[in-house]
Amino acid sequence: MLDMKELIELTLHYGGEYGLNHTKRILKIIDFIGEKYSYNREVVDIAAYLHDWGGYAPWKKENVDHAIRSAEAAREYLGERFINEDHIKHILECIENHHNGRKNKSIEARLLSDADGIDFIGTIGFAREFSTKPRELKKAFESAKARIDKVKAVICIEESEPIVKERIERMTLLFKQFEEETWGLF
């Protein structure tokens, strides 16, 4: 039987505070964008906590998409806990597709994909990019700007669109302030 407390603790162990808080933000976003939809909350919760495990040690592999590695880690983890096979397949669908915004996937997969994308933009997205490249400001700036188009391209739930628009406006203001404060010298 799956123990959610254990899953949360393992997400903290593998992903650190970043991984756990990223998942909690995703779940808050899903609460908002998924409000009018009927969906399997258990599938969403489990997929959200497992969706980035492939990007953490011991599963991370160079040149292998972390979504694929996360699905492999999830398959192993869930299989050891005798969880329903249909649930496992559904959870894996969500994990494997959490970056691609495919409209033909389940509502759970679309919710996770949109929420994950939304968490990469706005003030938090801006801060995340710069925190990963503290000595490469130009690279962080360009990466943060590029993130906007990537997220816009994968959003597939109508309720996500106003949030994306608002967060892009915030990022645009931050870009302008950043350019002013660095005189474009980065």
C-alpha atoms as a PDB file:
ATOM      1  CA  MET A   1       0.000   0.000   0.000  1.00  0.00           C
ATOM      2  CA  LEU A   2       1.257   3.461  -0.886  1.00  0.00           C
ATOM      3  CA  ASP A   3       2.046   5.709   2.064  1.00  0.00           C
ATOM      4  CA  MET A   4       1.743   9.377   0.990  1.00  0.00           C
ATOM      5  CA  LYS A   5       3.754  10.519   4.007  1.00  0.00           C
ATOM      6  CA  GLU A   6       6.639   8.306   2.867  1.00  0.00           C
ATOM      7  CA  LEU A   7       6.319   9.592  -0.719  1.00  0.00           C
ATOM      8  CA  ILE A   8       6.475  13.197   0.485  1.00  0.00           C
ATOM      9  CA  GLU A   9       9.468  12.449   2.730  1.00  0.00           C
ATOM     10  CA  LEU A  10      11.285  10.712  -0.133  1.00  0.00           C
ATOM     11  CA  THR A  11      10.581  13.635  -2.457  1.00  0.00           C
ATOM     12  CA  LEU A  12      12.168  15.908   0.157  1.00  0.00           C
ATOM     13  CA  HIS A  13      15.079  13.484   0.570  1.00  0.00           C
ATOM     14  CA  TYR A  14      15.810  13.219  -3.165  1.00  0.00           C
ATOM     15  CA  GLY A  15      14.744  16.662  -4.379  1.00  0.00           C
ATOM     16  CA  GLY A  16      15.516  18.689  -1.303  1.00  0.00           C
ATOM     17  CA  GLU A  17      13.485  21.689  -0.275  1.00  0.00           C
ATOM     18  CA  TYR A  18      13.378  22.776  -3.914  1.00  0.00           C
ATOM     19  CA  GLY A  19      11.777  19.521  -5.103  1.00  0.00           C
ATOM     20  CA  LEU A  20       9.234  19.392  -2.304  1.00  0.00           C
ATOM     21  CA  ASN A  21       8.207  23.037  -2.604  1.00  0.00           C
ATOM     22  CA  HIS A  22       8.019  22.829  -6.407  1.00  0.00           C
ATOM     23  CA  THR A  23       5.576  19.934  -5.992  1.00  0.00           C
ATOM     24  CA  LYS A  24       3.517  21.797  -3.403  1.00  0.00           C
ATOM     25  CA  ARG A  25       3.267  24.825  -5.713  1.00  0.00           C
ATOM     26  CA  ILE A  26       2.193  22.574  -8.582  1.00  0.00           C
ATOM     27  CA  LEU A  27      -0.568  21.074  -6.445  1.00  0.00           C
ATOM     28  CA  LYS A  28      -1.793  24.567  -5.465  1.00  0.00           C
ATOM     29  CA  ILE A  29      -1.874  25.565  -9.138  1.00  0.00           C
ATOM     30  CA  ILE A  30      -3.805  22.380  -9.953  1.00  0.00           C
ATOM     31  CA  ASP A  31      -6.340  23.239  -7.233  1.00  0.00           C
ATOM     32  CA  PHE A  32      -7.010  26.471  -9.074  1.00  0.00           C
ATOM     33  CA  ILE A  33      -6.885  25.425 -12.743  1.00  0.00           C
ATOM     34  CA  GLY A  34      -8.629  22.101 -12.094  1.00  0.00           C
ATOM     35  CA  GLU A  35     -11.475  23.499 -10.043  1.00  0.00           C
ATOM     36  CA  LYS A  36     -14.193  22.891 -12.666  1.00  0.00           C
ATOM     37  CA  TYR A  37     -12.893  19.490 -13.792  1.00  0.00           C
ATOM     38  CA  SER A  38     -13.597  16.038 -12.496  1.00  0.00           C
ATOM     39  CA  TYR A  39     -10.281  14.239 -12.067  1.00  0.00           C
ATOM     40  CA  ASN A  40      -8.584  11.579  -9.982  1.00  0.00           C
ATOM     41  CA  ARG A  41      -6.870  13.545  -7.215  1.00  0.00           C
ATOM     42  CA  GLU A  42      -4.921  10.520  -5.986  1.00  0.00           C
ATOM     43  CA  VAL A  43      -3.348  10.031  -9.416  1.00  0.00           C
ATOM     44  CA  VAL A  44      -2.470  13.733  -9.615  1.00  0.00           C
ATOM     45  CA  ASP A  45      -0.968  13.854  -6.124  1.00  0.00           C
ATOM     46  CA  ILE A  46       1.179  10.764  -6.619  1.00  0.00           C
ATOM     47  CA  ALA A  47       2.303  11.857 -10.102  1.00  0.00           C
ATOM     48  CA  ALA A  48       3.165  15.335  -8.831  1.00  0.00           C
ATOM     49  CA  TYR A  49       5.435  14.003  -6.077  1.00  0.00           C
ATOM     50  CA  LEU A  50       7.144  11.570  -8.473  1.00  0.00           C
ATOM     51  CA  HIS A  51       7.319  13.701 -11.642  1.00  0.00           C
ATOM     52  CA  ASP A  52      10.884  14.994 -11.151  1.00  0.00           C
ATOM     53  CA  TRP A  53      12.532  12.032  -9.432  1.00  0.00           C
ATOM     54  CA  GLY A  54      14.398  11.223 -12.651  1.00  0.00           C
ATOM     55  CA  GLY A  55      16.220  14.536 -12.297  1.00  0.00           C
ATOM     56  CA  TYR A  56      17.539  13.631  -8.850  1.00  0.00           C
ATOM     57  CA  ALA A  57      20.209  11.191  -7.700  1.00  0.00           C
ATOM     58  CA  PRO A  58      20.155   8.180  -7.847  1.00  0.00           C
ATOM     59  CA  TRP A  59      18.058   8.167 -11.068  1.00  0.00           C
ATOM     60  CA  LYS A  60      19.453  11.090 -13.053  1.00  0.00           C
ATOM     61  CA  LYS A  61      21.293  10.098 -16.232  1.00  0.00           C
ATOM     62  CA  GLU A  62      23.144  12.351 -18.641  1.00  0.00           C
ATOM     63  CA  ASN A  63      21.405  12.829 -21.994  1.00  0.00           C
ATOM     64  CA  VAL A  64      18.221  11.093 -20.789  1.00  0.00           C
ATOM     65  CA  ASP A  65      15.043  13.146 -20.412  1.00  0.00           C
ATOM     66  CA  HIS A  66      14.241  13.366 -16.722  1.00  0.00           C
ATOM     67  CA  ALA A  67      10.542  12.723 -17.471  1.00  0.00           C
ATOM     68  CA  ILE A  68      11.460   9.280 -18.858  1.00  0.00           C
ATOM     69  CA  ARG A  69      13.756   8.577 -15.910  1.00  0.00           C
ATOM     70  CA  SER A  70      11.053   9.785 -13.512  1.00  0.00           C
ATOM     71  CA  ALA A  71       8.563   7.356 -15.058  1.00  0.00           C
ATOM     72  CA  GLU A  72      11.093   4.521 -14.662  1.00  0.00           C
ATOM     73  CA  ALA A  73      11.710   5.434 -11.020  1.00  0.00           C
ATOM     74  CA  ALA A  74       7.966   5.750 -10.421  1.00  0.00           C
ATOM     75  CA  ARG A  75       7.273   2.352 -12.001  1.00  0.00           C
ATOM     76  CA  GLU A  76       9.792   0.762  -9.641  1.00  0.00           C
ATOM     77  CA  TYR A  77       8.591   2.662  -6.574  1.00  0.00           C
ATOM     78  CA  LEU A  78       4.889   2.090  -7.218  1.00  0.00           C
ATOM     79  CA  GLY A  79       5.344  -1.541  -8.257  1.00  0.00           C
ATOM     80  CA  GLU A  80       6.966  -2.307  -4.910  1.00  0.00           C
ATOM     81  CA  ARG A  81       3.914  -0.955  -3.114  1.00  0.00           C
ATOM     82  CA  PHE A  82       1.278  -3.147  -4.777  1.00  0.00           C
ATOM     83  CA  ILE A  83      -0.657  -0.208  -6.122  1.00  0.00           C
ATOM     84  CA  ASN A  84      -3.355  -0.888  -8.733  1.00  0.00           C
ATOM     85  CA  GLU A  85      -1.810  -1.446 -12.211  1.00  0.00           C
ATOM     86  CA  ASP A  86      -4.342   0.851 -13.915  1.00  0.00           C
ATOM     87  CA  HIS A  87      -3.415   3.611 -11.466  1.00  0.00           C
ATOM     88  CA  ILE A  88       0.272   3.015 -12.153  1.00  0.00           C
ATOM     89  CA  LYS A  89      -0.275   3.373 -15.915  1.00  0.00           C
ATOM     90  CA  HIS A  90      -2.281   6.549 -15.374  1.00  0.00           C
ATOM     91  CA  ILE A  91       0.374   8.015 -13.053  1.00  0.00           C
ATOM     92  CA  LEU A  92       3.117   7.143 -15.540  1.00  0.00           C
ATOM     93  CA  GLU A  93       1.173   8.860 -18.345  1.00  0.00           C
ATOM     94  CA  CYS A  94       1.106  12.032 -16.236  1.00  0.00           C
ATOM     95  CA  ILE A  95       4.814  11.844 -15.419  1.00  0.00           C
ATOM     96  CA  GLU A  96       5.950  11.050 -18.965  1.00  0.00           C
ATOM     97  CA  ASN A  97       3.965  13.982 -20.367  1.00  0.00           C
ATOM     98  CA  HIS A  98       4.572  16.626 -17.721  1.00  0.00           C
ATOM     99  CA  HIS A  99       6.520  18.867 -20.111  1.00  0.00           C
ATOM    100  CA  ASN A 100       4.733  18.448 -23.401  1.00  0.00           C
ATOM    101  CA  GLY A 101       1.161  19.711 -22.989  1.00  0.00           C
ATOM    102  CA  ARG A 102      -0.494  17.109 -25.181  1.00  0.00           C
ATOM    103  CA  LYS A 103      -4.175  17.898 -25.410  1.00  0.00           C
ATOM    104  CA  ASN A 104      -5.033  14.273 -26.222  1.00  0.00           C
ATOM    105  CA  LYS A 105      -3.863  13.038 -22.808  1.00  0.00           C
ATOM    106  CA  SER A 106      -5.940  12.560 -19.669  1.00  0.00           C
ATOM    107  CA  ILE A 107      -7.140  15.565 -17.692  1.00  0.00           C
ATOM    108  CA  GLU A 108      -4.719  14.544 -14.934  1.00  0.00           C
ATOM    109  CA  ALA A 109      -1.744  14.638 -17.340  1.00  0.00           C
ATOM    110  CA  ARG A 110      -2.843  17.995 -18.741  1.00  0.00           C
ATOM    111  CA  LEU A 111      -3.277  19.479 -15.263  1.00  0.00           C
ATOM    112  CA  LEU A 112       0.201  18.351 -14.197  1.00  0.00           C
ATOM    113  CA  SER A 113       1.784  19.593 -17.426  1.00  0.00           C
ATOM    114  CA  ASP A 114       0.127  23.018 -17.233  1.00  0.00           C
ATOM    115  CA  ALA A 115       0.886  23.453 -13.533  1.00  0.00           C
ATOM    116  CA  ASP A 116       4.517  22.456 -13.993  1.00  0.00           C
ATOM    117  CA  GLY A 117       4.865  24.957 -16.842  1.00  0.00           C
ATOM    118  CA  ILE A 118       3.195  27.725 -14.869  1.00  0.00           C
ATOM    119  CA  ASP A 119       5.639  27.157 -12.017  1.00  0.00           C
ATOM    120  CA  PHE A 120       8.486  27.929 -14.441  1.00  0.00           C
ATOM    121  CA  ILE A 121       7.284  31.453 -15.221  1.00  0.00           C
ATOM    122  CA  GLY A 122       6.485  34.630 -13.317  1.00  0.00           C
ATOM    123  CA  THR A 123       8.494  35.847 -10.376  1.00  0.00           C
ATOM    124  CA  ILE A 124       9.257  32.310  -9.210  1.00  0.00           C
ATOM    125  CA  GLY A 125      10.374  31.294 -12.703  1.00  0.00           C
ATOM    126  CA  PHE A 126      12.619  34.339 -12.936  1.00  0.00           C
ATOM    127  CA  ALA A 127      14.154  33.569  -9.536  1.00  0.00           C
ATOM    128  CA  ARG A 128      14.634  29.885 -10.390  1.00  0.00           C
ATOM    129  CA  GLU A 129      16.569  30.647 -13.570  1.00  0.00           C
ATOM    130  CA  PHE A 130      18.881  33.080 -11.820  1.00  0.00           C
ATOM    131  CA  SER A 131      19.421  30.825  -8.824  1.00  0.00           C
ATOM    132  CA  THR A 132      20.730  28.067 -11.096  1.00  0.00           C
ATOM    133  CA  LYS A 133      23.133  30.419 -12.898  1.00  0.00           C
ATOM    134  CA  PRO A 134      24.268  32.993 -10.297  1.00  0.00           C
ATOM    135  CA  ARG A 135      27.509  33.797 -12.109  1.00  0.00           C
ATOM    136  CA  GLU A 136      26.041  33.678 -15.617  1.00  0.00           C
ATOM    137  CA  LEU A 137      23.529  36.509 -15.581  1.00  0.00           C
ATOM    138  CA  LYS A 138      23.232  36.857 -19.348  1.00  0.00           C
ATOM    139  CA  LYS A 139      22.641  33.123 -19.731  1.00  0.00           C
ATOM    140  CA  ALA A 140      20.040  33.189 -16.917  1.00  0.00           C
ATOM    141  CA  PHE A 141      18.334  36.207 -18.498  1.00  0.00           C
ATOM    142  CA  GLU A 142      18.153  34.545 -21.916  1.00  0.00           C
ATOM    143  CA  SER A 143      17.008  31.248 -20.436  1.00  0.00           C
ATOM    144  CA  ALA A 144      14.246  32.945 -18.441  1.00  0.00           C
ATOM    145  CA  LYS A 145      13.048  34.808 -21.549  1.00  0.00           C
ATOM    146  CA  ALA A 146      13.056  31.607 -23.610  1.00  0.00           C
ATOM    147  CA  ARG A 147      11.000  29.868 -20.929  1.00  0.00           C
ATOM    148  CA  ILE A 148       8.006  32.076 -21.747  1.00  0.00           C
ATOM    149  CA  ASP A 149       7.627  30.738 -25.291  1.00  0.00           C
ATOM    150  CA  LYS A 150       8.183  27.160 -24.135  1.00  0.00           C
ATOM    151  CA  VAL A 151       5.413  27.413 -21.559  1.00  0.00           C
ATOM    152  CA  LYS A 152       2.989  29.204 -23.882  1.00  0.00           C
ATOM    153  CA  ALA A 153       3.470  26.401 -26.421  1.00  0.00           C
ATOM    154  CA  VAL A 154       2.448  23.612 -24.031  1.00  0.00           C
ATOM    155  CA  ILE A 155      -0.474  25.102 -22.101  1.00  0.00           C
ATOM    156  CA  CYS A 156      -3.608  23.135 -22.896  1.00  0.00           C
ATOM    157  CA  ILE A 157      -6.220  24.034 -20.264  1.00  0.00           C
ATOM    158  CA  GLU A 158      -8.214  27.214 -20.742  1.00  0.00           C
ATOM    159  CA  GLU A 159      -8.090  28.084 -17.042  1.00  0.00           C
ATOM    160  CA  SER A 160      -4.284  28.215 -17.226  1.00  0.00           C
ATOM    161  CA  GLU A 161      -4.231  30.994 -19.810  1.00  0.00           C
ATOM    162  CA  PRO A 162      -5.003  33.965 -17.501  1.00  0.00           C
ATOM    163  CA  ILE A 163      -2.384  32.779 -15.003  1.00  0.00           C
ATOM    164  CA  VAL A 164       0.192  32.423 -17.772  1.00  0.00           C
ATOM    165  CA  LYS A 165      -0.655  35.902 -19.071  1.00  0.00           C
ATOM    166  CA  GLU A 166      -0.320  37.453 -15.603  1.00  0.00           C
ATOM    167  CA  ARG A 167       2.966  35.696 -14.896  1.00  0.00           C
ATOM    168  CA  ILE A 168       4.396  36.726 -18.264  1.00  0.00           C
ATOM    169  CA  GLU A 169       3.509  40.340 -17.451  1.00  0.00           C
ATOM    170  CA  ARG A 170       5.378  40.006 -14.141  1.00  0.00           C
ATOM    171  CA  MET A 171       8.401  38.486 -15.866  1.00  0.00           C
ATOM    172  CA  THR A 172       8.395  41.193 -18.498  1.00  0.00           C
ATOM    173  CA  LEU A 173       8.513  43.842 -15.772  1.00  0.00           C
ATOM    174  CA  LEU A 174      11.355  41.980 -14.056  1.00  0.00           C
ATOM    175  CA  PHE A 175      13.265  41.753 -17.352  1.00  0.00           C
ATOM    176  CA  LYS A 176      12.885  45.503 -17.848  1.00  0.00           C
ATOM    177  CA  GLN A 177      14.041  46.256 -14.294  1.00  0.00           C
ATOM    178  CA  PHE A 178      16.928  43.832 -14.604  1.00  0.00           C
ATOM    179  CA  GLU A 179      18.109  45.430 -17.845  1.00  0.00           C
ATOM    180  CA  GLU A 180      17.845  48.914 -16.299  1.00  0.00           C
ATOM    181  CA  GLU A 181      19.745  47.974 -13.148  1.00  0.00           C
ATOM    182  CA  THR A 182      22.534  46.264 -15.082  1.00  0.00           C
ATOM    183  CA  TRP A 183      22.635  48.865 -17.881  1.00  0.00           C
ATOM    184  CA  GLY A 184      22.357  45.875 -20.209  1.00  0.00           C
ATOM    185  CA  LEU A 185      25.826  44.760 -19.115  1.00  0.00           C
ATOM    186  CA  PHE A 186      24.627  41.801 -17.069  1.00  0.00           C
END
